[in-house]
Amino acid sequence: MSKRTNQIVMTNEARVLKQLRERKGLSMRKAGELIGISGSLISQVENGRENVPKGERLKRLLDTYGIKEATFKNLVKNWQEEQSELEIVTELIPKLKDRDLKTVRSLIEHLITH
């Protein structure tokens, strides 16, 4: 696949790949077997720890999921997901600077105690 990242970066591409795999009823392990990679690597891609593959590797994934690349790109472009407030906040927190984290922590502590 591609180089593993130091940060978790959830992309719409990763989200769509996960959704496509789940729609096919495939576990990460089974999807990996069908594609010729490990289920762990599928997990890393879907969870933003590994870059989404490109070229032939992406094509193999999409073929396994029964979808054409143009359709995949359209799904990525139009991705919308119902996320809970907790999921949204959890996704935003790693993007904050340390000083901002202190402010958020103080705000949360204030809200919890009042």
N, C-alpha and C. Protein backbone atom coordinates (compact mmCIF):
# COMPACT_ATOMS: atom_id res chain seq x y z
N MET A 1 0.85 -1.18 0.00
CA MET A 1 0.00 0.00 0.00
C MET A 1 0.89 1.24 0.00
N SER A 2 0.71 2.12 0.94
CA SER A 2 1.49 3.34 0.96
C SER A 2 2.11 3.54 2.33
N LYS A 3 2.82 4.62 2.46
CA LYS A 3 3.55 4.89 3.69
C LYS A 3 2.61 5.17 4.86
N ARG A 4 2.91 4.56 5.99
CA ARG A 4 2.13 4.77 7.20
C ARG A 4 2.39 6.18 7.72
N THR A 5 1.33 6.83 8.18
CA THR A 5 1.46 8.20 8.66
C THR A 5 1.69 8.21 10.16
N ASN A 6 2.27 9.31 10.66
CA ASN A 6 2.49 9.48 12.10
C ASN A 6 1.22 9.94 12.79
N GLN A 7 0.33 10.54 12.06
CA GLN A 7 -0.89 11.06 12.64
C GLN A 7 -2.09 10.30 12.07
N ILE A 8 -3.17 10.37 12.82
CA ILE A 8 -4.42 9.81 12.32
C ILE A 8 -5.08 10.89 11.48
N VAL A 9 -5.30 10.58 10.21
CA VAL A 9 -5.92 11.53 9.31
C VAL A 9 -7.08 10.82 8.63
N MET A 10 -8.27 11.10 9.13
CA MET A 10 -9.45 10.49 8.55
C MET A 10 -9.85 11.27 7.30
N THR A 11 -9.79 10.59 6.18
CA THR A 11 -10.17 11.22 4.93
C THR A 11 -11.50 10.65 4.47
N ASN A 12 -12.15 11.37 3.59
CA ASN A 12 -13.39 10.86 3.02
C ASN A 12 -13.13 9.59 2.22
N GLU A 13 -11.96 9.49 1.61
CA GLU A 13 -11.61 8.28 0.86
C GLU A 13 -11.61 7.07 1.80
N ALA A 14 -10.99 7.22 2.97
CA ALA A 14 -10.94 6.12 3.94
C ALA A 14 -12.33 5.77 4.42
N ARG A 15 -13.14 6.78 4.68
CA ARG A 15 -14.51 6.54 5.15
C ARG A 15 -15.33 5.79 4.10
N VAL A 16 -15.18 6.20 2.84
CA VAL A 16 -15.92 5.54 1.77
C VAL A 16 -15.44 4.10 1.60
N LEU A 17 -14.13 3.86 1.67
CA LEU A 17 -13.63 2.50 1.56
C LEU A 17 -14.20 1.61 2.65
N LYS A 18 -14.28 2.13 3.86
CA LYS A 18 -14.87 1.36 4.97
C LYS A 18 -16.33 1.06 4.69
N GLN A 19 -17.05 2.07 4.25
CA GLN A 19 -18.47 1.89 3.95
C GLN A 19 -18.67 0.85 2.84
N LEU A 20 -17.85 0.90 1.80
CA LEU A 20 -17.97 -0.05 0.70
C LEU A 20 -17.69 -1.48 1.18
N ARG A 21 -16.67 -1.63 2.02
CA ARG A 21 -16.35 -2.96 2.54
C ARG A 21 -17.49 -3.51 3.37
N GLU A 22 -18.03 -2.65 4.23
CA GLU A 22 -19.14 -3.08 5.09
C GLU A 22 -20.38 -3.43 4.27
N ARG A 23 -20.64 -2.66 3.22
CA ARG A 23 -21.80 -2.95 2.35
C ARG A 23 -21.66 -4.30 1.66
N LYS A 24 -20.43 -4.69 1.38
CA LYS A 24 -20.18 -6.00 0.77
C LYS A 24 -20.24 -7.12 1.80
N GLY A 25 -20.36 -6.75 3.07
CA GLY A 25 -20.43 -7.75 4.13
C GLY A 25 -19.09 -8.42 4.41
N LEU A 26 -18.01 -7.72 4.13
CA LEU A 26 -16.68 -8.28 4.31
C LEU A 26 -16.04 -7.79 5.60
N SER A 27 -15.42 -8.71 6.31
CA SER A 27 -14.59 -8.30 7.45
C SER A 27 -13.31 -7.71 6.89
N MET A 28 -12.56 -7.03 7.72
CA MET A 28 -11.27 -6.50 7.27
C MET A 28 -10.35 -7.63 6.85
N ARG A 29 -10.39 -8.71 7.60
CA ARG A 29 -9.55 -9.86 7.30
C ARG A 29 -9.89 -10.46 5.94
N LYS A 30 -11.20 -10.66 5.69
CA LYS A 30 -11.64 -11.26 4.43
C LYS A 30 -11.33 -10.34 3.26
N ALA A 31 -11.56 -9.04 3.43
CA ALA A 31 -11.25 -8.09 2.36
C ALA A 31 -9.75 -8.14 2.04
N GLY A 32 -8.93 -8.17 3.08
CA GLY A 32 -7.49 -8.25 2.87
C GLY A 32 -7.09 -9.51 2.13
N GLU A 33 -7.70 -10.64 2.50
CA GLU A 33 -7.41 -11.91 1.81
C GLU A 33 -7.75 -11.81 0.33
N LEU A 34 -8.90 -11.23 0.02
CA LEU A 34 -9.34 -11.13 -1.37
C LEU A 34 -8.43 -10.22 -2.19
N ILE A 35 -7.86 -9.23 -1.54
CA ILE A 35 -7.03 -8.25 -2.23
C ILE A 35 -5.56 -8.68 -2.23
N GLY A 36 -5.19 -9.51 -1.26
CA GLY A 36 -3.81 -9.95 -1.16
C GLY A 36 -2.97 -9.12 -0.21
N ILE A 37 -3.64 -8.52 0.79
CA ILE A 37 -2.95 -7.76 1.82
C ILE A 37 -3.51 -8.18 3.17
N SER A 38 -2.93 -7.69 4.24
CA SER A 38 -3.41 -8.08 5.57
C SER A 38 -4.66 -7.30 5.96
N GLY A 39 -5.47 -7.91 6.80
CA GLY A 39 -6.62 -7.23 7.36
C GLY A 39 -6.19 -6.04 8.20
N SER A 40 -5.01 -6.15 8.79
CA SER A 40 -4.45 -5.06 9.60
C SER A 40 -4.22 -3.83 8.74
N LEU A 41 -3.74 -4.04 7.53
CA LEU A 41 -3.50 -2.91 6.64
C LEU A 41 -4.82 -2.27 6.22
N ILE A 42 -5.84 -3.08 5.99
CA ILE A 42 -7.18 -2.55 5.68
C ILE A 42 -7.62 -1.65 6.85
N SER A 43 -7.44 -2.14 8.07
CA SER A 43 -7.81 -1.39 9.26
C SER A 43 -7.06 -0.06 9.33
N GLN A 44 -5.77 -0.11 9.08
CA GLN A 44 -4.96 1.10 9.15
C GLN A 44 -5.42 2.14 8.13
N VAL A 45 -5.76 1.71 6.94
CA VAL A 45 -6.25 2.63 5.91
C VAL A 45 -7.59 3.22 6.34
N GLU A 46 -8.51 2.37 6.76
CA GLU A 46 -9.85 2.82 7.12
C GLU A 46 -9.86 3.72 8.35
N ASN A 47 -8.87 3.58 9.20
CA ASN A 47 -8.82 4.36 10.43
C ASN A 47 -7.84 5.52 10.38
N GLY A 48 -7.35 5.83 9.19
CA GLY A 48 -6.53 7.02 9.01
C GLY A 48 -5.09 6.90 9.44
N ARG A 49 -4.63 5.69 9.71
CA ARG A 49 -3.23 5.50 10.13
C ARG A 49 -2.33 5.16 8.94
N GLU A 50 -2.92 4.89 7.84
CA GLU A 50 -2.19 4.55 6.61
C GLU A 50 -2.83 5.36 5.48
N ASN A 51 -2.01 5.88 4.60
CA ASN A 51 -2.54 6.63 3.47
C ASN A 51 -3.40 5.72 2.59
N VAL A 52 -4.45 6.30 2.03
CA VAL A 52 -5.31 5.56 1.10
C VAL A 52 -4.47 5.22 -0.12
N PRO A 53 -4.55 3.97 -0.58
CA PRO A 53 -3.73 3.58 -1.73
C PRO A 53 -4.14 4.32 -3.00
N LYS A 54 -3.23 4.32 -3.94
CA LYS A 54 -3.49 4.97 -5.23
C LYS A 54 -3.21 3.96 -6.34
N GLY A 55 -3.56 4.31 -7.53
CA GLY A 55 -3.23 3.52 -8.70
C GLY A 55 -3.78 2.11 -8.66
N GLU A 56 -2.92 1.16 -8.98
CA GLU A 56 -3.33 -0.25 -9.09
C GLU A 56 -3.85 -0.81 -7.77
N ARG A 57 -3.26 -0.40 -6.67
CA ARG A 57 -3.72 -0.91 -5.37
C ARG A 57 -5.12 -0.42 -5.05
N LEU A 58 -5.42 0.83 -5.36
CA LEU A 58 -6.78 1.33 -5.17
C LEU A 58 -7.74 0.58 -6.09
N LYS A 59 -7.32 0.35 -7.32
CA LYS A 59 -8.16 -0.38 -8.27
C LYS A 59 -8.50 -1.78 -7.75
N ARG A 60 -7.52 -2.46 -7.16
CA ARG A 60 -7.78 -3.79 -6.59
C ARG A 60 -8.82 -3.73 -5.49
N LEU A 61 -8.71 -2.72 -4.63
CA LEU A 61 -9.71 -2.55 -3.57
C LEU A 61 -11.09 -2.34 -4.17
N LEU A 62 -11.18 -1.40 -5.10
CA LEU A 62 -12.47 -1.07 -5.70
C LEU A 62 -13.06 -2.24 -6.47
N ASP A 63 -12.22 -2.99 -7.17
CA ASP A 63 -12.70 -4.19 -7.88
C ASP A 63 -13.28 -5.20 -6.89
N THR A 64 -12.61 -5.37 -5.77
CA THR A 64 -13.10 -6.30 -4.74
C THR A 64 -14.44 -5.84 -4.19
N TYR A 65 -14.61 -4.53 -4.08
CA TYR A 65 -15.86 -3.99 -3.55
C TYR A 65 -16.91 -3.79 -4.64
N GLY A 66 -16.54 -4.12 -5.89
CA GLY A 66 -17.50 -4.06 -6.99
C GLY A 66 -17.89 -2.65 -7.40
N ILE A 67 -16.92 -1.76 -7.43
CA ILE A 67 -17.22 -0.36 -7.75
C ILE A 67 -16.16 0.20 -8.69
N LYS A 68 -16.57 1.07 -9.56
CA LYS A 68 -15.64 1.71 -10.51
C LYS A 68 -15.02 2.95 -9.86
N GLU A 69 -13.84 3.32 -10.33
CA GLU A 69 -13.12 4.44 -9.74
C GLU A 69 -13.92 5.75 -9.84
N ALA A 70 -14.60 5.97 -10.96
CA ALA A 70 -15.39 7.21 -11.12
C ALA A 70 -16.50 7.28 -10.07
N THR A 71 -17.12 6.15 -9.79
CA THR A 71 -18.16 6.10 -8.77
C THR A 71 -17.56 6.36 -7.40
N PHE A 72 -16.41 5.76 -7.14
CA PHE A 72 -15.71 5.98 -5.87
C PHE A 72 -15.42 7.46 -5.67
N LYS A 73 -14.89 8.12 -6.70
CA LYS A 73 -14.57 9.54 -6.60
C LYS A 73 -15.83 10.37 -6.33
N ASN A 74 -16.93 9.99 -6.95
CA ASN A 74 -18.19 10.69 -6.72
C ASN A 74 -18.67 10.50 -5.28
N LEU A 75 -18.56 9.28 -4.78
CA LEU A 75 -18.93 9.02 -3.38
C LEU A 75 -18.08 9.83 -2.42
N VAL A 76 -16.79 9.91 -2.70
CA VAL A 76 -15.87 10.68 -1.86
C VAL A 76 -16.26 12.16 -1.89
N LYS A 77 -16.52 12.68 -3.08
CA LYS A 77 -16.87 14.09 -3.24
C LYS A 77 -18.15 14.44 -2.47
N ASN A 78 -19.10 13.53 -2.45
CA ASN A 78 -20.40 13.80 -1.84
C ASN A 78 -20.56 13.17 -0.47
N TRP A 79 -19.45 12.77 0.17
CA TRP A 79 -19.51 12.09 1.46
C TRP A 79 -20.19 12.95 2.51
N GLN A 80 -21.15 12.35 3.16
CA GLN A 80 -21.79 12.97 4.31
C GLN A 80 -22.09 11.86 5.29
N GLU A 81 -21.85 12.14 6.51
CA GLU A 81 -22.07 11.13 7.54
C GLU A 81 -22.69 11.80 8.75
N GLU A 82 -23.62 11.11 9.32
CA GLU A 82 -24.19 11.60 10.56
C GLU A 82 -23.20 11.28 11.67
N GLN A 83 -22.66 12.30 12.27
CA GLN A 83 -21.72 12.11 13.36
C GLN A 83 -22.31 12.69 14.63
N SER A 84 -22.04 12.03 15.71
CA SER A 84 -22.46 12.57 17.00
C SER A 84 -21.55 13.74 17.36
N GLU A 85 -22.01 14.56 18.28
CA GLU A 85 -21.19 15.68 18.73
C GLU A 85 -19.87 15.17 19.31
N LEU A 86 -19.92 14.05 20.03
CA LEU A 86 -18.69 13.49 20.61
C LEU A 86 -17.71 13.09 19.51
N GLU A 87 -18.20 12.47 18.44
CA GLU A 87 -17.32 12.07 17.34
C GLU A 87 -16.68 13.29 16.67
N ILE A 88 -17.46 14.33 16.51
CA ILE A 88 -16.94 15.54 15.88
C ILE A 88 -15.86 16.17 16.76
N VAL A 89 -16.15 16.30 18.05
CA VAL A 89 -15.17 16.88 18.98
C VAL A 89 -13.92 16.02 19.04
N THR A 90 -14.09 14.71 19.09
CA THR A 90 -12.95 13.79 19.15
C THR A 90 -12.07 13.94 17.91
N GLU A 91 -12.67 14.18 16.77
CA GLU A 91 -11.91 14.36 15.54
C GLU A 91 -11.19 15.70 15.52
N LEU A 92 -11.76 16.70 16.16
CA LEU A 92 -11.17 18.03 16.14
C LEU A 92 -10.03 18.21 17.14
N ILE A 93 -10.11 17.55 18.27
CA ILE A 93 -9.14 17.75 19.35
C ILE A 93 -7.69 17.56 18.91
N PRO A 94 -7.34 16.52 18.16
CA PRO A 94 -5.93 16.36 17.76
C PRO A 94 -5.40 17.51 16.90
N LYS A 95 -6.28 18.31 16.34
CA LYS A 95 -5.87 19.42 15.49
C LYS A 95 -5.53 20.69 16.28
N LEU A 96 -5.85 20.68 17.58
CA LEU A 96 -5.61 21.85 18.41
C LEU A 96 -4.15 21.96 18.85
N LYS A 97 -3.73 23.19 19.06
CA LYS A 97 -2.40 23.44 19.63
C LYS A 97 -2.50 23.26 21.14
N ASP A 98 -1.35 23.04 21.80
CA ASP A 98 -1.33 22.79 23.24
C ASP A 98 -2.04 23.87 24.04
N ARG A 99 -1.79 25.12 23.69
CA ARG A 99 -2.43 26.21 24.46
C ARG A 99 -3.95 26.17 24.31
N ASP A 100 -4.42 25.78 23.13
CA ASP A 100 -5.86 25.68 22.90
C ASP A 100 -6.45 24.49 23.64
N LEU A 101 -5.67 23.42 23.75
CA LEU A 101 -6.12 22.25 24.51
C LEU A 101 -6.37 22.62 25.97
N LYS A 102 -5.50 23.46 26.52
CA LYS A 102 -5.67 23.89 27.91
C LYS A 102 -6.98 24.66 28.07
N THR A 103 -7.29 25.49 27.09
CA THR A 103 -8.54 26.26 27.13
C THR A 103 -9.75 25.32 27.04
N VAL A 104 -9.68 24.37 26.14
CA VAL A 104 -10.78 23.41 25.97
C VAL A 104 -10.95 22.59 27.24
N ARG A 105 -9.85 22.17 27.82
CA ARG A 105 -9.91 21.40 29.07
C ARG A 105 -10.59 22.21 30.18
N SER A 106 -10.21 23.46 30.31
CA SER A 106 -10.82 24.32 31.33
C SER A 106 -12.31 24.48 31.10
N LEU A 107 -12.69 24.67 29.86
CA LEU A 107 -14.10 24.82 29.51
C LEU A 107 -14.88 23.55 29.84
N ILE A 108 -14.33 22.40 29.49
CA ILE A 108 -15.01 21.13 29.78
C ILE A 108 -15.15 20.92 31.28
N GLU A 109 -14.07 21.18 32.01
CA GLU A 109 -14.13 21.03 33.47
C GLU A 109 -15.17 21.96 34.07
N HIS A 110 -15.26 23.18 33.55
CA HIS A 110 -16.26 24.13 34.03
C HIS A 110 -17.68 23.62 33.74
N LEU A 111 -17.89 23.11 32.54
CA LEU A 111 -19.22 22.61 32.16
C LEU A 111 -19.64 21.41 33.01
N ILE A 112 -18.69 20.55 33.31
CA ILE A 112 -18.99 19.34 34.10
C ILE A 112 -19.32 19.68 35.54
N THR A 113 -18.65 20.67 36.09
CA THR A 113 -18.86 20.99 37.52
C THR A 113 -20.02 21.96 37.76
N HIS A 114 -20.58 22.52 36.71
CA HIS A 114 -21.69 23.48 36.89
C HIS A 114 -22.96 23.02 36.25
